[in-house]
């Protein structure tokens, strides 16, 4: 059974954040704290990935706190989108070059290659670092589709509620019409009774 778009947005955001955080904690931070690789290479390979983790941690927190259409609107407010655009302009604008540096260092630097192999087999459970590095590029491209799905579902929900409300109004109108008809019949009976009373009174005279 397919998930509703809102649940899919939350679930995939959580999964993406976990993958990105695993990359930072098991690869990027250790490399920044070791003399294994010159820092200029670390900067060029991993760019601003730590900033992306911070941003998506806050984004997921907002979505989790208010998992509603209005919560999504607030989470993707204009200021947030501007900040997101700035972060991803850096990452996506330099992604191809970062990949070149990553594969070049992996091929030429034996110590770096062994470090990656160790981290992949242990902390990352055989997941490719290259695949983790491409996840931000893939993720940002999915938001439009995910948010469009939420919007469609919300429009259907509102239309359904409006239709139900219209049906309830129609039922109320029918009940009112029935009451009006009953009142008319009562008035007719009362008029008949008065006519009978008038005939009796005339007969008595």
Protein backbone atom coordinates (compact mmCIF):
# COMPACT_ATOMS: atom_id res chain seq x y z
CA UNK A 1 0.00 0.00 0.00
CA UNK A 2 1.39 3.38 -1.01
CA UNK A 3 2.14 5.85 1.75
CA UNK A 4 0.39 9.18 1.85
CA UNK A 5 2.68 11.97 0.57
CA UNK A 6 3.04 13.63 3.98
CA UNK A 7 4.26 10.42 5.63
CA UNK A 8 6.57 9.77 2.69
CA UNK A 9 8.09 13.24 3.04
CA UNK A 10 8.79 12.68 6.74
CA UNK A 11 10.11 9.14 6.34
CA UNK A 12 12.43 9.97 3.44
CA UNK A 13 13.68 13.14 5.17
CA UNK A 14 14.58 11.10 8.24
CA UNK A 15 16.35 8.45 6.12
CA UNK A 16 18.26 11.09 4.18
CA UNK A 17 19.34 12.84 7.38
CA UNK A 18 20.55 9.55 8.87
CA UNK A 19 22.64 8.77 5.78
CA UNK A 20 24.15 12.23 5.64
CA UNK A 21 24.90 12.23 9.35
CA UNK A 22 26.55 8.81 9.06
CA UNK A 23 28.82 10.18 6.35
CA UNK A 24 29.83 13.16 8.49
CA UNK A 25 30.34 11.23 11.71
CA UNK A 26 32.22 8.26 10.28
CA UNK A 27 34.23 9.87 7.48
CA UNK A 28 34.31 13.65 7.39
CA UNK A 29 34.89 14.41 11.08
CA UNK A 30 37.60 11.74 11.52
CA UNK A 31 39.40 13.10 8.45
CA UNK A 32 39.26 16.62 9.83
CA UNK A 33 40.79 15.42 13.09
CA UNK A 34 43.54 13.28 11.55
CA UNK A 35 46.70 13.98 9.60
CA UNK A 36 45.67 11.27 7.18
CA UNK A 37 44.84 13.71 4.40
CA UNK A 38 45.66 17.35 3.76
CA UNK A 39 42.74 19.53 4.85
CA UNK A 40 42.52 21.21 1.47
CA UNK A 41 41.53 17.85 0.01
CA UNK A 42 38.94 17.28 2.74
CA UNK A 43 37.42 20.68 2.03
CA UNK A 44 37.32 20.11 -1.71
CA UNK A 45 35.84 16.61 -1.42
CA UNK A 46 33.16 17.13 1.21
CA UNK A 47 32.41 20.81 0.63
CA UNK A 48 29.73 22.07 3.07
CA UNK A 49 28.17 18.71 3.88
CA UNK A 50 28.22 19.45 7.63
CA UNK A 51 26.15 22.59 7.00
CA UNK A 52 23.68 20.47 5.04
CA UNK A 53 23.35 18.11 8.00
CA UNK A 54 22.62 21.03 10.34
CA UNK A 55 20.04 22.45 7.95
CA UNK A 56 18.22 19.17 7.41
CA UNK A 57 18.28 18.36 11.11
CA UNK A 58 16.38 21.60 11.75
CA UNK A 59 14.09 20.97 8.78
CA UNK A 60 13.21 17.47 9.95
CA UNK A 61 12.62 18.78 13.47
CA UNK A 62 10.09 21.29 12.16
CA UNK A 63 8.34 18.70 10.00
CA UNK A 64 8.18 16.22 12.86
CA UNK A 65 6.87 18.86 15.26
CA UNK A 66 4.04 19.88 12.94
CA UNK A 67 3.37 17.06 10.41
CA UNK A 68 0.56 18.96 8.69
CA UNK A 69 0.22 20.89 5.44
CA UNK A 70 0.57 24.17 7.35
CA UNK A 71 3.61 22.75 9.15
CA UNK A 72 5.17 22.08 5.76
CA UNK A 73 4.43 25.63 4.65
CA UNK A 74 6.23 26.97 7.72
CA UNK A 75 9.14 24.54 7.34
CA UNK A 76 9.65 25.67 3.74
CA UNK A 77 9.10 29.36 4.44
CA UNK A 78 10.84 31.86 2.09
CA UNK A 79 13.72 32.49 4.51
CA UNK A 80 14.32 28.76 4.84
CA UNK A 81 14.26 28.29 1.08
CA UNK A 82 16.78 31.10 0.59
CA UNK A 83 19.11 29.48 3.12
CA UNK A 84 18.61 26.09 1.46
CA UNK A 85 19.32 27.55 -1.97
CA UNK A 86 22.56 29.07 -0.73
CA UNK A 87 23.76 25.79 0.79
CA UNK A 88 22.88 23.71 -2.25
CA UNK A 89 24.36 26.22 -4.66
CA UNK A 90 27.71 25.57 -3.01
CA UNK A 91 27.31 21.79 -2.86
CA UNK A 92 25.82 21.16 -6.30
CA UNK A 93 27.93 23.79 -7.99
CA UNK A 94 31.10 22.03 -6.87
CA UNK A 95 29.90 18.44 -6.76
CA UNK A 96 31.53 17.21 -9.98
CA UNK A 97 34.90 18.65 -9.04
CA UNK A 98 34.58 17.18 -5.56
CA UNK A 99 33.98 13.75 -7.08
CA UNK A 100 37.08 14.10 -9.22
CA UNK A 101 39.21 14.95 -6.19
CA UNK A 102 37.66 12.13 -4.15
CA UNK A 103 38.38 9.44 -6.76
CA UNK A 104 41.84 10.83 -7.49
CA UNK A 105 42.84 10.75 -3.80
CA UNK A 106 41.28 7.32 -3.38
CA UNK A 107 43.36 5.99 -6.27
CA UNK A 108 46.65 7.67 -5.35
CA UNK A 109 46.61 7.66 -1.54
CA UNK A 110 46.87 4.16 -0.06
CA UNK A 111 46.28 5.28 3.53
CA UNK A 112 43.15 7.18 2.52
CA UNK A 113 41.88 4.22 0.53
CA UNK A 114 42.38 1.83 3.47
CA UNK A 115 40.64 4.31 5.80
CA UNK A 116 37.62 4.39 3.49
CA UNK A 117 37.51 0.61 3.20
CA UNK A 118 37.61 0.27 6.98
CA UNK A 119 34.84 2.83 7.54
CA UNK A 120 32.63 1.33 4.84
CA UNK A 121 32.91 -2.19 6.18
CA UNK A 122 32.37 -1.15 9.80
CA UNK A 123 30.37 2.02 10.45
CA UNK A 124 28.75 2.42 7.03
CA UNK A 125 27.86 -1.25 6.59
CA UNK A 126 29.33 -1.53 3.10
CA UNK A 127 27.53 1.54 1.79
CA UNK A 128 29.52 3.39 -0.85
CA UNK A 129 30.78 6.80 0.20
CA UNK A 130 30.33 7.91 -3.37
CA UNK A 131 26.64 6.97 -3.13
CA UNK A 132 26.28 8.88 0.13
CA UNK A 133 27.91 11.95 -1.40
CA UNK A 134 25.34 12.03 -4.20
CA UNK A 135 22.33 11.82 -1.85
CA UNK A 136 22.07 15.62 -1.33
CA UNK A 137 21.90 16.11 -5.11
CA UNK A 138 19.16 13.48 -5.35
CA UNK A 139 17.28 14.74 -2.32
CA UNK A 140 16.94 18.37 -3.34
CA UNK A 141 15.53 17.26 -6.71
CA UNK A 142 12.79 15.22 -4.98
CA UNK A 143 11.30 18.00 -2.88
CA UNK A 144 9.22 19.45 -5.70
CA UNK A 145 7.65 16.04 -6.39
CA UNK A 146 7.04 15.32 -2.70
CA UNK A 147 5.51 18.71 -1.95
CA UNK A 148 3.35 18.52 -5.10
CA UNK A 149 2.03 15.17 -3.82
CA UNK A 150 1.14 16.71 -0.46
CA UNK A 151 -0.61 19.60 -2.23
CA UNK A 152 -2.70 17.22 -4.38
CA UNK A 153 -3.74 15.20 -1.35
CA UNK A 154 -4.70 18.34 0.55
CA UNK A 155 -6.78 19.66 -2.34
CA UNK A 156 -8.64 16.33 -2.53
CA UNK A 157 -9.23 16.37 1.22
CA UNK A 158 -10.64 19.91 1.13
CA UNK A 159 -12.86 19.06 -1.87
CA UNK A 160 -14.11 15.93 -0.09
CA UNK A 161 -14.88 17.91 3.08
CA UNK A 162 -16.67 20.56 1.03
CA UNK A 163 -18.71 17.87 -0.71
CA UNK A 164 -19.60 16.29 2.63
CA UNK A 165 -20.55 19.69 4.02
CA UNK A 166 -22.73 20.37 0.96
CA UNK A 167 -24.40 16.98 1.48
CA UNK A 168 -25.13 17.81 5.12
CA UNK A 169 -26.65 21.15 4.10
CA UNK A 170 -28.82 19.38 1.51
CA UNK A 171 -29.98 16.89 4.17
CA UNK A 172 -30.84 19.77 6.48
CA UNK A 173 -32.79 21.43 3.67
CA UNK A 174 -34.71 18.18 3.08
CA UNK A 175 -35.54 17.94 6.76
CA UNK A 176 -36.65 21.53 6.77
CA UNK A 177 -38.83 20.94 3.72
CA UNK A 178 -40.37 17.93 5.45
CA UNK A 179 -41.11 20.04 8.50
CA UNK A 180 -42.66 22.74 6.31
CA UNK A 181 -44.86 20.16 4.59
CA UNK A 182 -45.98 18.80 7.97
CA UNK A 183 -46.83 22.28 9.16
CA UNK A 184 -48.92 22.78 6.00
CA UNK A 185 -50.82 19.55 6.61
CA UNK A 186 -51.44 20.51 10.25
CA UNK A 187 -52.77 23.89 9.14
CA UNK A 188 -55.12 22.16 6.66
CA UNK A 189 -56.44 19.80 9.35
CA UNK A 190 -56.95 22.68 11.75
CA UNK A 191 -58.88 24.60 9.09
CA UNK A 192 -61.07 21.53 8.48
CA UNK A 193 -61.79 21.28 12.22
CA UNK A 194 -62.76 24.95 12.33
CA UNK A 195 -65.06 24.45 9.35
CA UNK A 196 -66.74 21.54 11.13
CA UNK A 197 -67.18 23.69 14.24
CA UNK A 198 -68.76 26.46 12.18
CA UNK A 199 -71.24 24.02 10.56
CA UNK A 200 -72.24 22.64 13.99
CA UNK A 201 -72.73 26.12 15.33
CA UNK A 202 -74.92 27.01 12.33
CA UNK A 203 -76.97 23.83 12.78
CA UNK A 204 -77.56 24.58 16.46
CA UNK A 205 -79.02 27.91 15.54
